[in-house]
Amino acid sequence: MTPHFYTDNATAEWESLLFWIANGVSLFGKACRHHSHYYCLDSYFTQKPDEIILSADYHNEDQLAIAEAWFHVLIRNSWESINMINWKNPSGCCDAQTRKYFIYGWLHKQMSPDEYMNKLTDYEDQNKPLNMITAIYLHSVCMNMILDVGFGPGNLRRTHHRSVVEGQPYVIAGRDLGDMGVPGIVSQVFEYHRIKEELTFHWFKHNIMCKDHPRICERGDSSTEKEKGNATEIPETSEGNDQDGFENANLLLLD
């Protein structure tokens, strides 16, 4: 039976740089593990406008074909280094990635291939606020496990499995929670009502992204990894392996 997730409505300006946490629970998290032990990049997700009004160039099939071909070239040279995989074929590129450009870049925002690629790869603004979080509840630790996160403008959208317990802490599962967790970190706990203040892009970049790709943090950023963000570590003596039957837990923002 497919799990039920519920997502908050988005404000008009909402768009998000979305990441999957490599985990042993969700479909996307498991797929990600074929490429990375830390995270994968889903997309720069934008909302479908109420009425899509495209310029003449964007109605032109030849222009679209050229744009898709150029993005295909750009992403082929970058997908492995930015962890933007096709979850159905983690070692393959680039039709699925180009499809996301077509929908979230070209169709929704009339972005050029280079503009959309910049959205996928610009990590300099560490003040991007958390605006999306997907979670399920883990009974074994009495916490809500984070599966996916996104950063960008607009309100915080909580995509929660129906099991999520409001007020209970969130956790990014680490190696202390067994196969379900990210092997390169210990579990990190965030207060439910302060998740936006505690799980910052700065924290995610330094504690997740840069552990997989140190070059991301080798650009003159001298700040320490915990200066911004207030995660609490779970002692590594903790144990658990509670998947609660969520074999197909996914980010449900792809329609």
C-alpha atoms as a PDB file:
ATOM      1  CA  MET A   1       0.000   0.000   0.000  1.00  0.00           C
ATOM      2  CA  THR A   2       1.402   3.370  -0.999  1.00  0.00           C
ATOM      3  CA  PRO A   3       2.099   5.640   1.997  1.00  0.00           C
ATOM      4  CA  HIS A   4       0.071   8.824   2.288  1.00  0.00           C
ATOM      5  CA  PHE A   5       1.892  12.135   2.417  1.00  0.00           C
ATOM      6  CA  TYR A   6       0.378  15.562   2.946  1.00  0.00           C
ATOM      7  CA  THR A   7       1.991  18.762   1.686  1.00  0.00           C
ATOM      8  CA  ASP A   8       1.423  22.354   2.786  1.00  0.00           C
ATOM      9  CA  ASN A   9       0.337  24.793   0.092  1.00  0.00           C
ATOM     10  CA  ALA A  10       3.020  27.019  -1.397  1.00  0.00           C
ATOM     11  CA  THR A  11       3.131  30.794  -1.486  1.00  0.00           C
ATOM     12  CA  ALA A  12       3.386  32.446  -4.899  1.00  0.00           C
ATOM     13  CA  GLU A  13       7.159  33.017  -4.742  1.00  0.00           C
ATOM     14  CA  TRP A  14       7.983  29.461  -3.594  1.00  0.00           C
ATOM     15  CA  GLU A  15      10.662  27.546  -5.505  1.00  0.00           C
ATOM     16  CA  SER A  16      13.250  25.208  -4.082  1.00  0.00           C
ATOM     17  CA  LEU A  17      16.614  23.542  -4.556  1.00  0.00           C
ATOM     18  CA  LEU A  18      15.613  20.012  -3.571  1.00  0.00           C
ATOM     19  CA  PHE A  19      17.843  17.280  -2.165  1.00  0.00           C
ATOM     20  CA  TRP A  20      17.282  13.648  -1.188  1.00  0.00           C
ATOM     21  CA  ILE A  21      19.034  12.333   1.906  1.00  0.00           C
ATOM     22  CA  ALA A  22      20.796   9.032   1.142  1.00  0.00           C
ATOM     23  CA  ASN A  23      18.943   6.585   3.401  1.00  0.00           C
ATOM     24  CA  GLY A  24      17.738   3.015   3.590  1.00  0.00           C
ATOM     25  CA  VAL A  25      14.048   3.862   3.894  1.00  0.00           C
ATOM     26  CA  SER A  26      12.664   5.882   0.960  1.00  0.00           C
ATOM     27  CA  LEU A  27      12.688   4.913  -2.696  1.00  0.00           C
ATOM     28  CA  PHE A  28      14.693   8.016  -3.631  1.00  0.00           C
ATOM     29  CA  GLY A  29      17.045   7.629  -0.671  1.00  0.00           C
ATOM     30  CA  LYS A  30      17.839   4.045  -1.626  1.00  0.00           C
ATOM     31  CA  ALA A  31      18.415   5.001  -5.248  1.00  0.00           C
ATOM     32  CA  CYS A  32      20.701   7.807  -4.119  1.00  0.00           C
ATOM     33  CA  ARG A  33      22.903   5.358  -2.252  1.00  0.00           C
ATOM     34  CA  HIS A  34      23.979   3.861  -5.580  1.00  0.00           C
ATOM     35  CA  HIS A  35      25.745   7.168  -6.260  1.00  0.00           C
ATOM     36  CA  SER A  36      26.447   8.834  -2.902  1.00  0.00           C
ATOM     37  CA  HIS A  37      26.579   7.973   0.794  1.00  0.00           C
ATOM     38  CA  TYR A  38      25.290  11.435   1.683  1.00  0.00           C
ATOM     39  CA  TYR A  39      22.810  13.143  -0.664  1.00  0.00           C
ATOM     40  CA  CYS A  40      21.477  13.532  -4.191  1.00  0.00           C
ATOM     41  CA  LEU A  41      20.121  16.563  -6.010  1.00  0.00           C
ATOM     42  CA  ASP A  42      16.557  16.227  -7.238  1.00  0.00           C
ATOM     43  CA  SER A  43      16.008  19.489  -9.127  1.00  0.00           C
ATOM     44  CA  TYR A  44      15.489  23.195  -8.842  1.00  0.00           C
ATOM     45  CA  PHE A  45      11.753  22.841  -8.368  1.00  0.00           C
ATOM     46  CA  THR A  46       9.427  25.617  -9.539  1.00  0.00           C
ATOM     47  CA  GLN A  47       5.665  25.876  -9.442  1.00  0.00           C
ATOM     48  CA  LYS A  48       3.442  25.609 -12.460  1.00  0.00           C
ATOM     49  CA  PRO A  49       1.944  29.068 -13.064  1.00  0.00           C
ATOM     50  CA  ASP A  50      -1.845  29.382 -13.031  1.00  0.00           C
ATOM     51  CA  GLU A  51      -1.579  30.276 -16.705  1.00  0.00           C
ATOM     52  CA  ILE A  52       1.599  29.549 -18.636  1.00  0.00           C
ATOM     53  CA  ILE A  53       2.240  32.406 -21.063  1.00  0.00           C
ATOM     54  CA  LEU A  54       5.279  31.680 -23.185  1.00  0.00           C
ATOM     55  CA  SER A  55       7.073  34.087 -25.475  1.00  0.00           C
ATOM     56  CA  ALA A  56       7.291  33.344 -29.187  1.00  0.00           C
ATOM     57  CA  ASP A  57      10.712  31.732 -28.729  1.00  0.00           C
ATOM     58  CA  TYR A  58       9.348  29.349 -26.139  1.00  0.00           C
ATOM     59  CA  HIS A  59       6.531  28.250 -28.450  1.00  0.00           C
ATOM     60  CA  ASN A  60       9.081  27.490 -31.154  1.00  0.00           C
ATOM     61  CA  GLU A  61       9.773  23.747 -31.305  1.00  0.00           C
ATOM     62  CA  ASP A  62      13.170  24.341 -32.881  1.00  0.00           C
ATOM     63  CA  GLN A  63      14.180  26.656 -30.044  1.00  0.00           C
ATOM     64  CA  LEU A  64      13.026  24.072 -27.511  1.00  0.00           C
ATOM     65  CA  ALA A  65      15.000  21.331 -29.234  1.00  0.00           C
ATOM     66  CA  ILE A  66      18.120  23.520 -29.190  1.00  0.00           C
ATOM     67  CA  ALA A  67      17.629  24.360 -25.498  1.00  0.00           C
ATOM     68  CA  GLU A  68      17.113  20.727 -24.528  1.00  0.00           C
ATOM     69  CA  ALA A  69      20.141  19.658 -26.535  1.00  0.00           C
ATOM     70  CA  TRP A  70      22.332  22.287 -24.850  1.00  0.00           C
ATOM     71  CA  PHE A  71      21.099  21.381 -21.372  1.00  0.00           C
ATOM     72  CA  HIS A  72      21.768  17.738 -22.217  1.00  0.00           C
ATOM     73  CA  VAL A  73      25.386  18.678 -22.930  1.00  0.00           C
ATOM     74  CA  LEU A  74      25.676  20.743 -19.738  1.00  0.00           C
ATOM     75  CA  ILE A  75      24.218  18.106 -17.461  1.00  0.00           C
ATOM     76  CA  ARG A  76      26.194  15.268 -19.056  1.00  0.00           C
ATOM     77  CA  ASN A  77      29.369  17.052 -17.973  1.00  0.00           C
ATOM     78  CA  SER A  78      28.064  17.762 -14.455  1.00  0.00           C
ATOM     79  CA  TRP A  79      25.503  15.251 -13.206  1.00  0.00           C
ATOM     80  CA  GLU A  80      27.967  13.012 -11.388  1.00  0.00           C
ATOM     81  CA  SER A  81      29.714  15.886  -9.611  1.00  0.00           C
ATOM     82  CA  ILE A  82      26.440  17.499  -8.469  1.00  0.00           C
ATOM     83  CA  ASN A  83      24.780  14.153  -7.601  1.00  0.00           C
ATOM     84  CA  MET A  84      21.802  14.752  -9.904  1.00  0.00           C
ATOM     85  CA  ILE A  85      20.853  11.176 -10.664  1.00  0.00           C
ATOM     86  CA  ASN A  86      17.950   9.488 -12.414  1.00  0.00           C
ATOM     87  CA  TRP A  87      16.406   7.532  -9.540  1.00  0.00           C
ATOM     88  CA  LYS A  88      15.212   4.796 -11.915  1.00  0.00           C
ATOM     89  CA  ASN A  89      18.727   4.389 -13.332  1.00  0.00           C
ATOM     90  CA  PRO A  90      21.244   5.952 -10.917  1.00  0.00           C
ATOM     91  CA  SER A  91      24.182   5.352 -13.232  1.00  0.00           C
ATOM     92  CA  GLY A  92      22.492   6.841 -16.289  1.00  0.00           C
ATOM     93  CA  CYS A  93      22.113  10.270 -17.822  1.00  0.00           C
ATOM     94  CA  CYS A  94      20.579  12.462 -19.167  1.00  0.00           C
ATOM     95  CA  ASP A  95      16.960  12.199 -20.350  1.00  0.00           C
ATOM     96  CA  ALA A  96      15.404  12.356 -16.862  1.00  0.00           C
ATOM     97  CA  GLN A  97      17.545  15.326 -15.855  1.00  0.00           C
ATOM     98  CA  THR A  98      16.738  17.145 -19.096  1.00  0.00           C
ATOM     99  CA  ARG A  99      13.035  16.491 -18.539  1.00  0.00           C
ATOM    100  CA  LYS A 100      13.259  18.311 -15.218  1.00  0.00           C
ATOM    101  CA  TYR A 101      14.878  21.263 -16.954  1.00  0.00           C
ATOM    102  CA  PHE A 102      12.069  21.309 -19.512  1.00  0.00           C
ATOM    103  CA  ILE A 103       9.343  21.354 -16.835  1.00  0.00           C
ATOM    104  CA  TYR A 104      10.835  23.410 -13.996  1.00  0.00           C
ATOM    105  CA  GLY A 105      13.108  25.649 -16.038  1.00  0.00           C
ATOM    106  CA  TRP A 106      11.805  26.152 -19.562  1.00  0.00           C
ATOM    107  CA  LEU A 107       8.067  25.638 -19.121  1.00  0.00           C
ATOM    108  CA  HIS A 108       7.460  27.139 -15.683  1.00  0.00           C
ATOM    109  CA  LYS A 109      10.033  29.950 -15.679  1.00  0.00           C
ATOM    110  CA  GLN A 110      11.288  30.341 -19.263  1.00  0.00           C
ATOM    111  CA  MET A 111      14.866  29.800 -18.063  1.00  0.00           C
ATOM    112  CA  SER A 112      17.683  29.183 -20.496  1.00  0.00           C
ATOM    113  CA  PRO A 113      19.747  26.019 -19.986  1.00  0.00           C
ATOM    114  CA  ASP A 114      22.577  28.052 -18.449  1.00  0.00           C
ATOM    115  CA  GLU A 115      20.206  29.840 -16.060  1.00  0.00           C
ATOM    116  CA  TYR A 116      18.741  26.569 -14.842  1.00  0.00           C
ATOM    117  CA  MET A 117      22.165  24.982 -14.488  1.00  0.00           C
ATOM    118  CA  ASN A 118      23.229  27.943 -12.365  1.00  0.00           C
ATOM    119  CA  LYS A 119      20.236  27.338 -10.095  1.00  0.00           C
ATOM    120  CA  LEU A 120      21.394  23.734  -9.660  1.00  0.00           C
ATOM    121  CA  THR A 121      25.017  24.562  -8.903  1.00  0.00           C
ATOM    122  CA  ASP A 122      25.110  27.917  -7.073  1.00  0.00           C
ATOM    123  CA  TYR A 123      25.729  27.150  -3.387  1.00  0.00           C
ATOM    124  CA  GLU A 124      27.329  30.465  -2.429  1.00  0.00           C
ATOM    125  CA  ASP A 125      24.242  31.943  -0.751  1.00  0.00           C
ATOM    126  CA  GLN A 126      24.300  30.052   2.522  1.00  0.00           C
ATOM    127  CA  ASN A 127      21.346  32.063   3.827  1.00  0.00           C
ATOM    128  CA  LYS A 128      18.843  30.302   1.572  1.00  0.00           C
ATOM    129  CA  PRO A 129      16.071  29.362   4.002  1.00  0.00           C
ATOM    130  CA  LEU A 130      14.697  25.875   4.455  1.00  0.00           C
ATOM    131  CA  ASN A 131      11.398  25.795   2.568  1.00  0.00           C
ATOM    132  CA  MET A 132      10.672  22.081   2.128  1.00  0.00           C
ATOM    133  CA  ILE A 133      10.982  19.027   4.326  1.00  0.00           C
ATOM    134  CA  THR A 134       9.708  15.463   3.858  1.00  0.00           C
ATOM    135  CA  ALA A 135       9.461  13.197   6.895  1.00  0.00           C
ATOM    136  CA  ILE A 136       8.097   9.970   8.360  1.00  0.00           C
ATOM    137  CA  TYR A 137       7.880   8.912  12.013  1.00  0.00           C
ATOM    138  CA  LEU A 138      10.262   6.403  13.577  1.00  0.00           C
ATOM    139  CA  HIS A 139       8.674   4.729  16.592  1.00  0.00           C
ATOM    140  CA  SER A 140      11.982   3.215  17.723  1.00  0.00           C
ATOM    141  CA  VAL A 141      13.458   6.649  18.503  1.00  0.00           C
ATOM    142  CA  CYS A 142      10.242   8.706  18.830  1.00  0.00           C
ATOM    143  CA  MET A 143      11.395  11.172  16.179  1.00  0.00           C
ATOM    144  CA  ASN A 144      10.398  12.279  12.690  1.00  0.00           C
ATOM    145  CA  MET A 145      12.979  11.095  10.155  1.00  0.00           C
ATOM    146  CA  ILE A 146      13.885  13.593   7.426  1.00  0.00           C
ATOM    147  CA  LEU A 147      13.938  12.109   3.905  1.00  0.00           C
ATOM    148  CA  ASP A 148      14.230  15.191   1.680  1.00  0.00           C
ATOM    149  CA  VAL A 149      14.963  18.896   2.139  1.00  0.00           C
ATOM    150  CA  GLY A 150      14.753  21.998  -0.031  1.00  0.00           C
ATOM    151  CA  PHE A 151      16.034  25.558   0.227  1.00  0.00           C
ATOM    152  CA  GLY A 152      14.854  28.774  -1.391  1.00  0.00           C
ATOM    153  CA  PRO A 153      12.272  31.565  -1.270  1.00  0.00           C
ATOM    154  CA  GLY A 154       8.742  31.164   0.036  1.00  0.00           C
ATOM    155  CA  ASN A 155       7.102  29.465   2.977  1.00  0.00           C
ATOM    156  CA  LEU A 156       8.204  26.238   4.667  1.00  0.00           C
ATOM    157  CA  ARG A 157       6.260  23.319   3.161  1.00  0.00           C
ATOM    158  CA  ARG A 158       6.124  20.216   5.333  1.00  0.00           C
ATOM    159  CA  THR A 159       5.494  17.066   3.290  1.00  0.00           C
ATOM    160  CA  HIS A 160       4.589  14.667   6.070  1.00  0.00           C
ATOM    161  CA  HIS A 161       3.671  11.031   6.107  1.00  0.00           C
ATOM    162  CA  ARG A 162       0.454  10.559   8.077  1.00  0.00           C
ATOM    163  CA  SER A 163       2.541   8.927  10.844  1.00  0.00           C
ATOM    164  CA  VAL A 164       4.469  12.138  11.623  1.00  0.00           C
ATOM    165  CA  VAL A 165       3.930  13.339  15.197  1.00  0.00           C
ATOM    166  CA  GLU A 166       3.681  17.113  15.465  1.00  0.00           C
ATOM    167  CA  GLY A 167       6.013  18.490  18.114  1.00  0.00           C
ATOM    168  CA  GLN A 168       8.367  15.501  18.143  1.00  0.00           C
ATOM    169  CA  PRO A 169      11.935  16.282  17.014  1.00  0.00           C
ATOM    170  CA  TYR A 170      13.134  15.785  13.464  1.00  0.00           C
ATOM    171  CA  VAL A 171      16.222  13.652  12.834  1.00  0.00           C
ATOM    172  CA  ILE A 172      18.591  13.167   9.922  1.00  0.00           C
ATOM    173  CA  ALA A 173      19.450   9.537  10.563  1.00  0.00           C
ATOM    174  CA  GLY A 174      23.118   8.631  10.773  1.00  0.00           C
ATOM    175  CA  ARG A 175      25.132   5.458  11.160  1.00  0.00           C
ATOM    176  CA  ASP A 176      23.977   4.978  14.763  1.00  0.00           C
ATOM    177  CA  LEU A 177      20.494   4.151  13.423  1.00  0.00           C
ATOM    178  CA  GLY A 178      21.767   1.275  11.343  1.00  0.00           C
ATOM    179  CA  ASP A 179      21.174   0.719   7.665  1.00  0.00           C
ATOM    180  CA  MET A 180      18.526   3.414   7.421  1.00  0.00           C
ATOM    181  CA  GLY A 181      21.000   6.223   8.170  1.00  0.00           C
ATOM    182  CA  VAL A 182      23.702   8.195   6.389  1.00  0.00           C
ATOM    183  CA  PRO A 183      26.887   6.212   7.134  1.00  0.00           C
ATOM    184  CA  GLY A 184      29.203   9.227   7.198  1.00  0.00           C
ATOM    185  CA  ILE A 185      27.495  11.094  10.040  1.00  0.00           C
ATOM    186  CA  VAL A 186      25.957  10.475  13.438  1.00  0.00           C
ATOM    187  CA  SER A 187      22.269  11.260  13.717  1.00  0.00           C
ATOM    188  CA  GLN A 188      21.416  14.956  13.949  1.00  0.00           C
ATOM    189  CA  VAL A 189      18.337  16.138  15.850  1.00  0.00           C
ATOM    190  CA  PHE A 190      16.340  19.340  15.224  1.00  0.00           C
ATOM    191  CA  GLU A 191      13.490  20.855  17.234  1.00  0.00           C
ATOM    192  CA  TYR A 192      10.161  20.490  15.440  1.00  0.00           C
ATOM    193  CA  HIS A 193       9.044  24.105  15.810  1.00  0.00           C
ATOM    194  CA  ARG A 194      12.529  25.519  15.149  1.00  0.00           C
ATOM    195  CA  ILE A 195      13.439  23.393  12.150  1.00  0.00           C
ATOM    196  CA  LYS A 196      13.734  26.403   9.840  1.00  0.00           C
ATOM    197  CA  GLU A 197      16.175  28.134  12.201  1.00  0.00           C
ATOM    198  CA  GLU A 198      18.206  25.009  12.976  1.00  0.00           C
ATOM    199  CA  LEU A 199      18.382  23.172   9.640  1.00  0.00           C
ATOM    200  CA  THR A 200      19.939  25.963   7.599  1.00  0.00           C
ATOM    201  CA  PHE A 201      21.494  25.670   4.161  1.00  0.00           C
ATOM    202  CA  HIS A 202      24.814  26.555   5.783  1.00  0.00           C
ATOM    203  CA  TRP A 203      24.467  23.531   8.074  1.00  0.00           C
ATOM    204  CA  PHE A 204      23.382  21.224   5.250  1.00  0.00           C
ATOM    205  CA  LYS A 205      26.191  22.385   2.988  1.00  0.00           C
ATOM    206  CA  HIS A 206      28.948  21.891   5.559  1.00  0.00           C
ATOM    207  CA  ASN A 207      27.677  18.724   7.254  1.00  0.00           C
ATOM    208  CA  ILE A 208      26.265  16.822   4.282  1.00  0.00           C
ATOM    209  CA  MET A 209      27.315  18.246   0.909  1.00  0.00           C
ATOM    210  CA  CYS A 210      30.923  19.067   1.693  1.00  0.00           C
ATOM    211  CA  LYS A 211      31.550  15.686   3.280  1.00  0.00           C
ATOM    212  CA  ASP A 212      30.727  14.163  -0.081  1.00  0.00           C
ATOM    213  CA  HIS A 213      32.371  16.897  -2.192  1.00  0.00           C
ATOM    214  CA  PRO A 214      34.953  18.893  -0.164  1.00  0.00           C
ATOM    215  CA  ARG A 215      35.523  21.232  -3.139  1.00  0.00           C
ATOM    216  CA  ILE A 216      32.123  22.828  -2.399  1.00  0.00           C
ATOM    217  CA  CYS A 217      33.567  24.278   0.809  1.00  0.00           C
ATOM    218  CA  GLU A 218      36.947  25.197  -0.645  1.00  0.00           C
ATOM    219  CA  ARG A 219      35.880  28.588  -1.932  1.00  0.00           C
ATOM    220  CA  GLY A 220      37.085  30.927   0.754  1.00  0.00           C
ATOM    221  CA  ASP A 221      34.494  29.943   3.343  1.00  0.00           C
ATOM    222  CA  SER A 222      36.359  29.978   6.645  1.00  0.00           C
ATOM    223  CA  SER A 223      33.330  29.582   8.913  1.00  0.00           C
ATOM    224  CA  THR A 224      33.050  26.432  10.979  1.00  0.00           C
ATOM    225  CA  GLU A 225      30.454  23.864  10.145  1.00  0.00           C
ATOM    226  CA  LYS A 226      28.280  24.500  13.201  1.00  0.00           C
ATOM    227  CA  GLU A 227      28.307  28.275  13.279  1.00  0.00           C
ATOM    228  CA  LYS A 228      24.913  28.441  11.592  1.00  0.00           C
ATOM    229  CA  GLY A 229      22.451  25.777  12.604  1.00  0.00           C
ATOM    230  CA  ASN A 230      21.840  24.114  15.940  1.00  0.00           C
ATOM    231  CA  ALA A 231      21.597  20.399  15.322  1.00  0.00           C
ATOM    232  CA  THR A 232      22.098  18.043  18.273  1.00  0.00           C
ATOM    233  CA  GLU A 233      23.965  14.785  17.793  1.00  0.00           C
ATOM    234  CA  ILE A 234      22.605  11.480  19.060  1.00  0.00           C
ATOM    235  CA  PRO A 235      25.290   9.525  20.949  1.00  0.00           C
ATOM    236  CA  GLU A 236      26.620   6.717  18.786  1.00  0.00           C
ATOM    237  CA  THR A 237      25.539   4.104  21.318  1.00  0.00           C
ATOM    238  CA  SER A 238      21.950   4.572  20.088  1.00  0.00           C
ATOM    239  CA  GLU A 239      20.547   1.708  18.067  1.00  0.00           C
ATOM    240  CA  GLY A 240      17.582   1.241  15.794  1.00  0.00           C
ATOM    241  CA  ASN A 241      16.393  -0.112  12.494  1.00  0.00           C
ATOM    242  CA  ASP A 242      12.732   0.834  12.337  1.00  0.00           C
ATOM    243  CA  GLN A 243      11.561   1.171   8.746  1.00  0.00           C
ATOM    244  CA  ASP A 244       7.881   0.898   9.724  1.00  0.00           C
ATOM    245  CA  GLY A 245       6.990  -0.477   6.290  1.00  0.00           C
ATOM    246  CA  PHE A 246       7.764   2.744   4.466  1.00  0.00           C
ATOM    247  CA  GLU A 247       9.439   1.006   1.527  1.00  0.00           C
ATOM    248  CA  ASN A 248       8.094   3.535  -0.976  1.00  0.00           C
ATOM    249  CA  ALA A 249       8.266   6.787   0.976  1.00  0.00           C
ATOM    250  CA  ASN A 250       8.942   9.502  -1.598  1.00  0.00           C
ATOM    251  CA  LEU A 251       8.963  13.187  -2.281  1.00  0.00           C
ATOM    252  CA  LEU A 252       5.501  13.793  -3.753  1.00  0.00           C
ATOM    253  CA  LEU A 253       6.148  17.127  -5.470  1.00  0.00           C
ATOM    254  CA  LEU A 254       6.900  15.790  -8.903  1.00  0.00           C
ATOM    255  CA  ASP A 255       3.582  16.272 -10.663  1.00  0.00           C
END
